C-alpha atoms as a PDB file:
ATOM      1  CA  MET A   1       8.393  -5.355  11.587  1.00  0.00           C
ATOM      2  CA  THR A   2      10.329  -3.200   9.119  1.00  0.00           C
ATOM      3  CA  TYR A   3       7.543  -0.793   8.255  1.00  0.00           C
ATOM      4  CA  THR A   4       4.783   1.199   9.839  1.00  0.00           C
ATOM      5  CA  LEU A   5       1.436   2.002   8.371  1.00  0.00           C
ATOM      6  CA  ARG A   6      -0.696   5.101   8.748  1.00  0.00           C
ATOM      7  CA  LEU A   7      -4.104   5.942   7.316  1.00  0.00           C
ATOM      8  CA  GLU A   8      -4.072   9.446   5.836  1.00  0.00           C
ATOM      9  CA  THR A   9      -7.546  10.881   5.301  1.00  0.00           C
ATOM     10  CA  GLY A  10      -6.619  14.197   3.716  1.00  0.00           C
ATOM     11  CA  ASP A  11      -8.879  16.180   6.048  1.00  0.00           C
ATOM     12  CA  THR A  12      -7.530  19.696   6.300  1.00  0.00           C
ATOM     13  CA  ASP A  13     -10.265  21.210   8.454  1.00  0.00           C
ATOM     14  CA  GLY A  14      -9.452  19.063  11.494  1.00  0.00           C
ATOM     15  CA  GLY A  15     -12.576  16.954  11.082  1.00  0.00           C
ATOM     16  CA  ASP A  16     -12.078  13.271  10.486  1.00  0.00           C
ATOM     17  CA  ALA A  17     -14.566  11.025   8.739  1.00  0.00           C
ATOM     18  CA  ALA A  18     -13.266   8.034  10.689  1.00  0.00           C
ATOM     19  CA  SER A  19     -13.060   7.508  14.428  1.00  0.00           C
ATOM     20  CA  PRO A  20      -9.761   6.350  15.982  1.00  0.00           C
ATOM     21  CA  LEU A  21     -11.206   2.832  16.264  1.00  0.00           C
ATOM     22  CA  GLN A  22     -12.272   2.834  12.602  1.00  0.00           C
ATOM     23  CA  ARG A  23      -8.814   4.030  11.598  1.00  0.00           C
ATOM     24  CA  ARG A  24      -7.052   1.285  13.588  1.00  0.00           C
ATOM     25  CA  GLU A  25      -9.385  -1.367  12.193  1.00  0.00           C
ATOM     26  CA  ALA A  26      -8.862  -0.148   8.610  1.00  0.00           C
ATOM     27  CA  GLU A  27      -5.088  -0.119   9.141  1.00  0.00           C
ATOM     28  CA  GLN A  28      -5.237  -3.654  10.557  1.00  0.00           C
ATOM     29  CA  ARG A  29      -7.301  -4.930   7.598  1.00  0.00           C
ATOM     30  CA  PHE A  30      -4.947  -3.227   5.144  1.00  0.00           C
ATOM     31  CA  ARG A  31      -1.841  -4.644   6.841  1.00  0.00           C
ATOM     32  CA  GLN A  32      -3.237  -8.177   7.001  1.00  0.00           C
ATOM     33  CA  ALA A  33      -4.343  -8.211   3.354  1.00  0.00           C
ATOM     34  CA  LEU A  34      -1.070  -6.658   2.153  1.00  0.00           C
ATOM     35  CA  GLU A  35       1.033  -9.198   4.036  1.00  0.00           C
ATOM     36  CA  GLU A  36      -1.122 -12.084   2.803  1.00  0.00           C
ATOM     37  CA  GLY A  37      -0.990 -10.760  -0.756  1.00  0.00           C
ATOM     38  CA  LEU A  38       2.804 -10.605  -0.680  1.00  0.00           C
ATOM     39  CA  GLY A  39       3.176 -13.920   1.133  1.00  0.00           C
ATOM     40  CA  ASP A  40       4.635 -12.778   4.464  1.00  0.00           C
ATOM     41  CA  ALA A  41       5.068  -9.695   6.628  1.00  0.00           C
ATOM     42  CA  ALA A  42       8.832  -9.875   6.107  1.00  0.00           C
ATOM     43  CA  LEU A  43       8.370  -9.362   2.359  1.00  0.00           C
ATOM     44  CA  VAL A  44       6.492  -6.050   2.570  1.00  0.00           C
ATOM     45  CA  ALA A  45       9.488  -3.755   3.049  1.00  0.00           C
ATOM     46  CA  PRO A  46      11.816  -5.312   0.436  1.00  0.00           C
ATOM     47  CA  ILE A  47       9.093  -5.595  -2.203  1.00  0.00           C
ATOM     48  CA  TYR A  48       7.886  -2.055  -1.496  1.00  0.00           C
ATOM     49  CA  ARG A  49      11.469  -0.722  -1.749  1.00  0.00           C
ATOM     50  CA  ALA A  50      11.889  -2.511  -5.082  1.00  0.00           C
ATOM     51  CA  TYR A  51       8.521  -1.172  -6.265  1.00  0.00           C
ATOM     52  CA  LEU A  52       9.555   2.395  -5.336  1.00  0.00           C
ATOM     53  CA  ARG A  53      12.828   1.990  -7.278  1.00  0.00           C
ATOM     54  CA  ILE A  54      10.926   0.762 -10.339  1.00  0.00           C
ATOM     55  CA  VAL A  55       8.490   3.679 -10.179  1.00  0.00           C
ATOM     56  CA  ALA A  56      11.349   6.156  -9.689  1.00  0.00           C
ATOM     57  CA  MET A  57      13.109   4.794 -12.781  1.00  0.00           C
ATOM     58  CA  HIS A  58      10.112   4.130 -15.052  1.00  0.00           C
ATOM     59  CA  GLY A  59       7.207   6.243 -13.759  1.00  0.00           C
ATOM     60  CA  ASP A  60       3.908   5.314 -12.135  1.00  0.00           C
ATOM     61  CA  ASP A  61       2.554   3.412 -15.128  1.00  0.00           C
ATOM     62  CA  PRO A  62       5.524   2.021 -17.037  1.00  0.00           C
ATOM     63  CA  ALA A  63       5.178   0.230 -20.323  1.00  0.00           C
ATOM     64  CA  PRO A  64       5.561  -3.507 -19.661  1.00  0.00           C
ATOM     65  CA  GLU A  65       8.181  -3.865 -22.396  1.00  0.00           C
ATOM     66  CA  ALA A  66      10.366  -1.254 -20.635  1.00  0.00           C
ATOM     67  CA  LEU A  67      10.692  -3.526 -17.602  1.00  0.00           C
ATOM     68  CA  SER A  68      12.746  -6.618 -17.021  1.00  0.00           C
ATOM     69  CA  ASP A  69      10.861  -9.795 -16.154  1.00  0.00           C
ATOM     70  CA  ALA A  70      11.816  -9.353 -12.483  1.00  0.00           C
ATOM     71  CA  GLU A  71      10.684  -5.707 -12.437  1.00  0.00           C
ATOM     72  CA  ARG A  72       7.396  -6.618 -14.107  1.00  0.00           C
ATOM     73  CA  GLU A  73       6.803  -9.360 -11.531  1.00  0.00           C
ATOM     74  CA  ILE A  74       7.501  -7.019  -8.606  1.00  0.00           C
ATOM     75  CA  LEU A  75       5.313  -4.261 -10.049  1.00  0.00           C
ATOM     76  CA  THR A  76       2.440  -6.649 -10.714  1.00  0.00           C
ATOM     77  CA  GLN A  77       2.750  -8.341  -7.337  1.00  0.00           C
ATOM     78  CA  TRP A  78       2.846  -5.056  -5.413  1.00  0.00           C
ATOM     79  CA  GLN A  79      -0.064  -3.510  -7.317  1.00  0.00           C
ATOM     80  CA  ALA A  80      -2.236  -6.608  -6.815  1.00  0.00           C
ATOM     81  CA  ALA A  81      -1.440  -6.832  -3.095  1.00  0.00           C
ATOM     82  CA  GLU A  82      -1.995  -3.104  -2.552  1.00  0.00           C
ATOM     83  CA  SER A  83      -5.302  -3.182  -4.441  1.00  0.00           C
ATOM     84  CA  ALA A  84      -6.500  -6.155  -2.375  1.00  0.00           C
ATOM     85  CA  ALA A  85      -5.404  -4.370   0.802  1.00  0.00           C
ATOM     86  CA  VAL A  86      -7.313  -1.191  -0.089  1.00  0.00           C
ATOM     87  CA  THR A  87     -10.425  -3.258  -0.804  1.00  0.00           C
ATOM     88  CA  ALA A  88      -9.996  -5.130   2.486  1.00  0.00           C
ATOM     89  CA  ALA A  89      -9.597  -1.861   4.383  1.00  0.00           C
ATOM     90  CA  PHE A  90     -12.402   0.143   2.798  1.00  0.00           C
ATOM     91  CA  GLY A  91     -14.592  -2.423   1.073  1.00  0.00           C
ATOM     92  CA  PRO A  92     -15.327  -2.386  -2.634  1.00  0.00           C
ATOM     93  CA  ASN A  93     -16.956   1.065  -2.290  1.00  0.00           C
ATOM     94  CA  ARG A  94     -14.422   3.391  -0.681  1.00  0.00           C
ATOM     95  CA  TYR A  95     -16.110   5.608   1.885  1.00  0.00           C
ATOM     96  CA  LEU A  96     -13.206   8.032   2.314  1.00  0.00           C
ATOM     97  CA  ASP A  97     -12.560   9.896  -0.941  1.00  0.00           C
ATOM     98  CA  GLN A  98      -9.176  11.314   0.050  1.00  0.00           C
ATOM     99  CA  ALA A  99      -8.013   8.393   2.182  1.00  0.00           C
ATOM    100  CA  ARG A 100      -4.818   6.535   1.454  1.00  0.00           C
ATOM    101  CA  PHE A 101      -2.330   4.465   3.364  1.00  0.00           C
ATOM    102  CA  GLU A 102       1.172   5.712   3.949  1.00  0.00           C
ATOM    103  CA  ILE A 103       3.814   3.019   4.312  1.00  0.00           C
ATOM    104  CA  ILE A 104       6.833   4.211   6.235  1.00  0.00           C
ATOM    105  CA  LEU A 105       9.900   2.023   5.826  1.00  0.00           C
ATOM    106  CA  GLN A 106      12.407   1.638   8.628  1.00  0.00           C
ATOM    107  CA  PRO A 107      16.034   2.182   7.637  1.00  0.00           C
ATOM    108  CA  ALA A 108      17.506  -0.923   6.059  1.00  0.00           C
END
């Protein structure tokens, strides 16, 4: 695996809305949905790296006409897979307002 995944809840007071078991289960659901959405676990790191490059060059919400066809495809694919993964992890009604997943890439 070329990436690790960590659920960040944003709790600053030391309290955590999710138990360790709930966190692991949410991370597992996120990982499974992300990998399925991208087609394979081996595609997560390269597509995420490409997505990060696109966002660094064009911003978080680039105009479609500013992107090449390949960039547009990567951006769309990543956003769809990530959205499906968040829904799989938290359900359609997110129960953790500050929660997000941090994807940590291993050196290439």
